């Protein structure tokens, strides 16, 4: 009974800050301003401007996720091959920027990439052409990769570090070389970590609006920006909630893929 009582604050917190907001989103998303039931808010995703913002967000999120995967996997393998003390220290150093505020990290990249920023100042001093990347899709992708890369590294590292060395040794004893061992043993065993990392990167990248606002200069309009503007500028909570429900469907789809791939639930962050 005492253990059940300890869960009461958590249940209250979950109901107040998770269930109630979700119910509010569904209420506003499925009603119009008069309170009548409607699916127009959800169907609004099919409009040219909304669908364009949605597919732009999907495209940039997929590109960022692929880049994070290509960067994270070799780094995770390097960390696994290091000594325990050194790898633990390196992991701490790698996730140290995450302790800084997300907004400050993005603003720092704006200072680096802007036309009169640090990078272009250095290039100018070296008599090199300036870097024209700020307020473009490339800047948004760079911001996504920088902010979400640790979410790809840690799940993959967590899976790789649990692979028993005897398994790879057995593969080599059976005649497999390094490449065959990687593709037939290590890579299949690390798929749950990859799926978990892909989900943890793709979902926040799909819904972000801060990165595109700051590094895109308001010129890169993603679905997250559209929803944010509906709530804060147009004050159309019904349409903003309807578009949010569409994004929830993407998130649920990713969660289903993760659940199917990682049935044992062994993938977790350190």
Protein backbone atom coordinates (compact mmCIF):
# COMPACT_ATOMS: atom_id res chain seq x y z
CA UNK A 1 0.00 0.00 0.00
CA UNK A 2 2.86 2.39 0.83
CA UNK A 3 4.45 1.76 -2.58
CA UNK A 4 1.15 2.55 -4.29
CA UNK A 5 0.89 5.79 -2.35
CA UNK A 6 4.35 6.79 -3.59
CA UNK A 7 3.07 6.60 -7.17
CA UNK A 8 0.26 9.09 -6.50
CA UNK A 9 2.40 12.23 -7.15
CA UNK A 10 3.62 10.76 -10.43
CA UNK A 11 0.09 9.85 -11.52
CA UNK A 12 -1.08 13.35 -10.64
CA UNK A 13 1.83 14.89 -12.58
CA UNK A 14 1.15 12.65 -15.59
CA UNK A 15 -2.54 13.48 -15.60
CA UNK A 16 -1.96 17.22 -15.22
CA UNK A 17 0.88 17.70 -17.71
CA UNK A 18 0.41 14.84 -20.20
CA UNK A 19 -3.16 13.56 -20.34
CA UNK A 20 -4.95 16.89 -19.88
CA UNK A 21 -2.88 18.73 -22.56
CA UNK A 22 -3.43 15.85 -24.99
CA UNK A 23 -7.17 15.94 -24.39
CA UNK A 24 -7.13 19.69 -24.98
CA UNK A 25 -5.26 19.21 -28.27
CA UNK A 26 -7.76 16.63 -29.46
CA UNK A 27 -10.69 18.78 -28.34
CA UNK A 28 -9.49 21.87 -30.20
CA UNK A 29 -8.29 19.84 -33.19
CA UNK A 30 -11.64 18.12 -33.67
CA UNK A 31 -13.86 21.18 -33.14
CA UNK A 32 -14.30 24.56 -34.76
CA UNK A 33 -14.43 27.94 -32.99
CA UNK A 34 -18.09 27.38 -32.13
CA UNK A 35 -17.33 24.02 -30.50
CA UNK A 36 -18.94 21.89 -33.21
CA UNK A 37 -17.27 18.66 -34.32
CA UNK A 38 -15.24 18.94 -37.53
CA UNK A 39 -12.37 17.28 -39.36
CA UNK A 40 -11.49 20.43 -41.28
CA UNK A 41 -8.57 21.22 -38.99
CA UNK A 42 -6.96 17.86 -39.74
CA UNK A 43 -7.84 18.01 -43.44
CA UNK A 44 -6.12 21.41 -43.59
CA UNK A 45 -2.81 19.55 -43.81
CA UNK A 46 -3.70 18.86 -47.45
CA UNK A 47 -3.65 22.56 -48.34
CA UNK A 48 -0.67 23.57 -50.52
CA UNK A 49 1.09 25.70 -47.88
CA UNK A 50 0.63 23.18 -45.07
CA UNK A 51 1.57 20.13 -47.13
CA UNK A 52 4.63 21.98 -48.43
CA UNK A 53 5.72 22.78 -44.85
CA UNK A 54 5.06 19.18 -43.77
CA UNK A 55 7.09 17.57 -46.55
CA UNK A 56 9.86 20.14 -46.11
CA UNK A 57 10.04 19.12 -42.45
CA UNK A 58 10.02 15.42 -43.37
CA UNK A 59 12.74 15.93 -45.98
CA UNK A 60 15.07 17.91 -43.70
CA UNK A 61 14.40 15.52 -40.82
CA UNK A 62 15.25 12.49 -42.94
CA UNK A 63 18.45 14.11 -44.22
CA UNK A 64 19.47 15.08 -40.69
CA UNK A 65 18.68 11.59 -39.39
CA UNK A 66 20.75 9.91 -42.10
CA UNK A 67 23.69 12.24 -41.45
CA UNK A 68 23.44 11.60 -37.71
CA UNK A 69 23.41 7.84 -38.32
CA UNK A 70 26.47 7.99 -40.60
CA UNK A 71 28.36 10.08 -38.03
CA UNK A 72 27.14 8.32 -34.93
CA UNK A 73 27.81 4.69 -35.83
CA UNK A 74 31.59 5.01 -36.38
CA UNK A 75 31.85 7.19 -33.27
CA UNK A 76 29.95 4.64 -31.20
CA UNK A 77 32.26 1.87 -32.44
CA UNK A 78 35.32 3.95 -31.58
CA UNK A 79 33.98 4.51 -28.07
CA UNK A 80 33.34 0.77 -27.67
CA UNK A 81 36.90 -0.09 -28.71
CA UNK A 82 38.43 2.35 -26.23
CA UNK A 83 39.35 1.45 -22.68
CA UNK A 84 36.49 1.68 -20.21
CA UNK A 85 37.81 4.73 -18.34
CA UNK A 86 38.68 6.58 -21.53
CA UNK A 87 35.37 5.77 -23.21
CA UNK A 88 33.37 6.92 -20.17
CA UNK A 89 35.28 10.20 -20.11
CA UNK A 90 34.77 10.67 -23.85
CA UNK A 91 31.05 10.01 -23.57
CA UNK A 92 30.77 12.63 -20.82
CA UNK A 93 32.68 15.17 -22.95
CA UNK A 94 30.46 14.35 -25.92
CA UNK A 95 27.19 14.92 -24.06
CA UNK A 96 28.53 17.93 -22.14
CA UNK A 97 27.09 20.46 -24.66
CA UNK A 98 23.65 18.96 -24.00
CA UNK A 99 23.81 20.43 -20.52
CA UNK A 100 23.67 23.87 -22.12
CA UNK A 101 20.33 25.37 -23.04
CA UNK A 102 19.05 24.24 -26.45
CA UNK A 103 18.28 27.82 -27.50
CA UNK A 104 21.76 29.04 -26.55
CA UNK A 105 23.42 26.29 -28.55
CA UNK A 106 21.40 27.24 -31.62
CA UNK A 107 22.12 30.95 -31.15
CA UNK A 108 25.82 30.11 -30.92
CA UNK A 109 25.65 28.52 -34.38
CA UNK A 110 23.90 31.62 -35.66
CA UNK A 111 26.83 33.73 -34.45
CA UNK A 112 29.24 31.35 -36.15
CA UNK A 113 27.44 31.14 -39.49
CA UNK A 114 26.09 34.64 -40.08
CA UNK A 115 27.62 36.79 -42.80
CA UNK A 116 29.70 38.81 -40.34
CA UNK A 117 30.15 35.90 -37.95
CA UNK A 118 33.21 34.16 -36.60
CA UNK A 119 33.67 31.72 -39.48
CA UNK A 120 33.39 34.34 -42.21
CA UNK A 121 35.70 36.66 -40.27
CA UNK A 122 38.35 33.95 -40.21
CA UNK A 123 37.82 33.19 -43.89
CA UNK A 124 38.10 36.89 -44.71
CA UNK A 125 41.37 37.15 -42.77
CA UNK A 126 42.68 34.23 -44.85
CA UNK A 127 41.45 35.93 -48.08
CA UNK A 128 39.01 33.11 -48.73
CA UNK A 129 35.44 33.49 -50.05
CA UNK A 130 32.75 33.82 -47.34
CA UNK A 131 30.51 30.94 -46.38
CA UNK A 132 26.94 31.56 -47.59
CA UNK A 133 25.03 29.08 -45.43
CA UNK A 134 22.98 31.09 -42.95
CA UNK A 135 19.22 31.35 -43.66
CA UNK A 136 19.31 28.25 -45.87
CA UNK A 137 18.17 24.65 -45.55
CA UNK A 138 21.79 23.60 -45.06
CA UNK A 139 22.03 25.74 -41.94
CA UNK A 140 18.86 24.16 -40.57
CA UNK A 141 20.23 20.67 -41.25
CA UNK A 142 23.50 21.59 -39.55
CA UNK A 143 21.61 22.81 -36.50
CA UNK A 144 19.55 19.62 -36.37
CA UNK A 145 22.59 17.38 -36.68
CA UNK A 146 24.51 19.27 -34.00
CA UNK A 147 21.64 19.31 -31.50
CA UNK A 148 20.36 15.77 -32.04
CA UNK A 149 23.55 13.80 -32.79
CA UNK A 150 24.01 12.66 -29.15
CA UNK A 151 20.53 11.08 -29.26
CA UNK A 152 21.81 8.85 -32.08
CA UNK A 153 25.21 8.05 -30.56
CA UNK A 154 24.08 6.96 -27.11
CA UNK A 155 21.55 4.24 -28.09
CA UNK A 156 23.95 2.76 -30.66
CA UNK A 157 26.83 2.85 -28.17
CA UNK A 158 24.62 1.30 -25.50
CA UNK A 159 23.86 -1.66 -27.79
CA UNK A 160 27.38 -2.12 -29.15
CA UNK A 161 28.96 -2.11 -25.71
CA UNK A 162 26.68 -5.02 -24.69
CA UNK A 163 27.75 -7.27 -27.55
CA UNK A 164 29.77 -10.12 -26.08
CA UNK A 165 33.32 -10.22 -27.46
CA UNK A 166 33.03 -14.01 -27.65
CA UNK A 167 30.47 -13.61 -30.44
CA UNK A 168 32.85 -11.69 -32.68
CA UNK A 169 35.72 -14.01 -31.74
CA UNK A 170 33.59 -17.00 -32.72
CA UNK A 171 32.85 -15.39 -36.08
CA UNK A 172 36.56 -14.92 -36.74
CA UNK A 173 37.30 -18.49 -35.64
CA UNK A 174 34.78 -19.65 -38.25
CA UNK A 175 36.71 -17.85 -40.97
CA UNK A 176 34.95 -14.48 -41.16
CA UNK A 177 37.13 -11.46 -41.83
CA UNK A 178 36.61 -7.98 -40.32
CA UNK A 179 34.12 -6.88 -43.00
CA UNK A 180 32.08 -10.09 -42.81
CA UNK A 181 32.05 -9.95 -39.01
CA UNK A 182 30.73 -6.41 -39.11
CA UNK A 183 27.98 -6.94 -41.68
CA UNK A 184 26.85 -10.40 -40.52
CA UNK A 185 27.30 -10.11 -36.74
CA UNK A 186 27.81 -6.61 -35.35
CA UNK A 187 25.47 -4.68 -37.65
CA UNK A 188 22.43 -7.00 -37.22
CA UNK A 189 22.89 -6.98 -33.44
CA UNK A 190 23.02 -3.19 -33.39
CA UNK A 191 19.80 -2.68 -35.38
CA UNK A 192 17.65 -2.07 -32.26
CA UNK A 193 19.99 0.73 -31.19
CA UNK A 194 19.90 2.21 -34.68
CA UNK A 195 16.11 2.13 -34.75
CA UNK A 196 15.94 3.73 -31.32
CA UNK A 197 18.41 6.44 -32.37
CA UNK A 198 16.58 7.10 -35.63
CA UNK A 199 13.33 7.57 -33.73
CA UNK A 200 14.92 9.84 -31.13
CA UNK A 201 16.42 12.05 -33.84
CA UNK A 202 13.64 12.03 -36.44
CA UNK A 203 10.79 12.91 -34.07
CA UNK A 204 12.28 16.10 -32.52
CA UNK A 205 13.73 17.12 -35.89
CA UNK A 206 10.29 16.79 -37.47
CA UNK A 207 8.58 18.92 -34.83
CA UNK A 208 11.24 21.58 -34.25
CA UNK A 209 10.62 25.23 -35.04
CA UNK A 210 13.37 26.98 -33.06
CA UNK A 211 16.20 25.80 -35.31
CA UNK A 212 14.44 26.82 -38.52
CA UNK A 213 13.49 30.19 -37.00
CA UNK A 214 17.03 31.04 -35.91
CA UNK A 215 19.25 29.40 -38.52
CA UNK A 216 16.70 29.64 -41.32
CA UNK A 217 15.97 33.29 -40.65
CA UNK A 218 12.24 32.68 -41.04
CA UNK A 219 12.76 31.76 -44.70
CA UNK A 220 12.56 28.00 -44.09
CA UNK A 221 8.97 27.27 -43.10
CA UNK A 222 8.51 23.84 -41.53
CA UNK A 223 5.32 22.32 -40.15
CA UNK A 224 6.53 23.10 -36.63
CA UNK A 225 6.77 26.78 -37.57
CA UNK A 226 3.24 26.69 -39.00
CA UNK A 227 1.83 25.19 -35.80
CA UNK A 228 3.76 27.64 -33.63
CA UNK A 229 2.45 30.57 -35.66
CA UNK A 230 -1.14 29.33 -35.44
CA UNK A 231 -0.91 29.28 -31.65
CA UNK A 232 1.16 32.42 -30.99
CA UNK A 233 0.33 34.76 -33.90
CA UNK A 234 -2.98 33.76 -35.51
CA UNK A 235 -4.41 32.51 -32.17
CA UNK A 236 -6.15 29.75 -34.10
CA UNK A 237 -5.83 26.95 -31.57
CA UNK A 238 -8.23 24.74 -33.51
CA UNK A 239 -6.13 24.68 -36.67
CA UNK A 240 -2.87 24.44 -34.72
CA UNK A 241 -4.20 21.48 -32.74
CA UNK A 242 -5.46 19.78 -35.89
CA UNK A 243 -2.04 20.03 -37.50
CA UNK A 244 -0.48 18.78 -34.25
CA UNK A 245 -2.67 15.66 -34.43
CA UNK A 246 -1.22 14.95 -37.87
CA UNK A 247 2.28 15.16 -36.42
CA UNK A 248 1.22 12.81 -33.63
CA UNK A 249 0.38 10.22 -36.27
CA UNK A 250 3.96 10.39 -37.55
CA UNK A 251 5.27 10.01 -34.00
CA UNK A 252 2.98 7.05 -33.30
CA UNK A 253 4.15 5.43 -36.53
CA UNK A 254 7.77 5.74 -35.37
CA UNK A 255 6.88 4.32 -31.96
CA UNK A 256 5.22 1.32 -33.59
CA UNK A 257 8.34 0.65 -35.67
CA UNK A 258 10.49 0.89 -32.55
CA UNK A 259 8.22 -1.46 -30.59
CA UNK A 260 8.22 -4.04 -33.38
CA UNK A 261 12.00 -3.87 -33.85
CA UNK A 262 12.97 -3.82 -30.18
CA UNK A 263 10.51 -6.31 -28.73
CA UNK A 264 12.61 -7.02 -25.64
CA UNK A 265 12.94 -3.34 -24.79
CA UNK A 266 16.68 -3.66 -24.25
CA UNK A 267 17.57 -0.42 -26.02
CA UNK A 268 17.96 2.48 -23.63
CA UNK A 269 20.07 5.57 -23.07
CA UNK A 270 22.92 5.44 -20.60
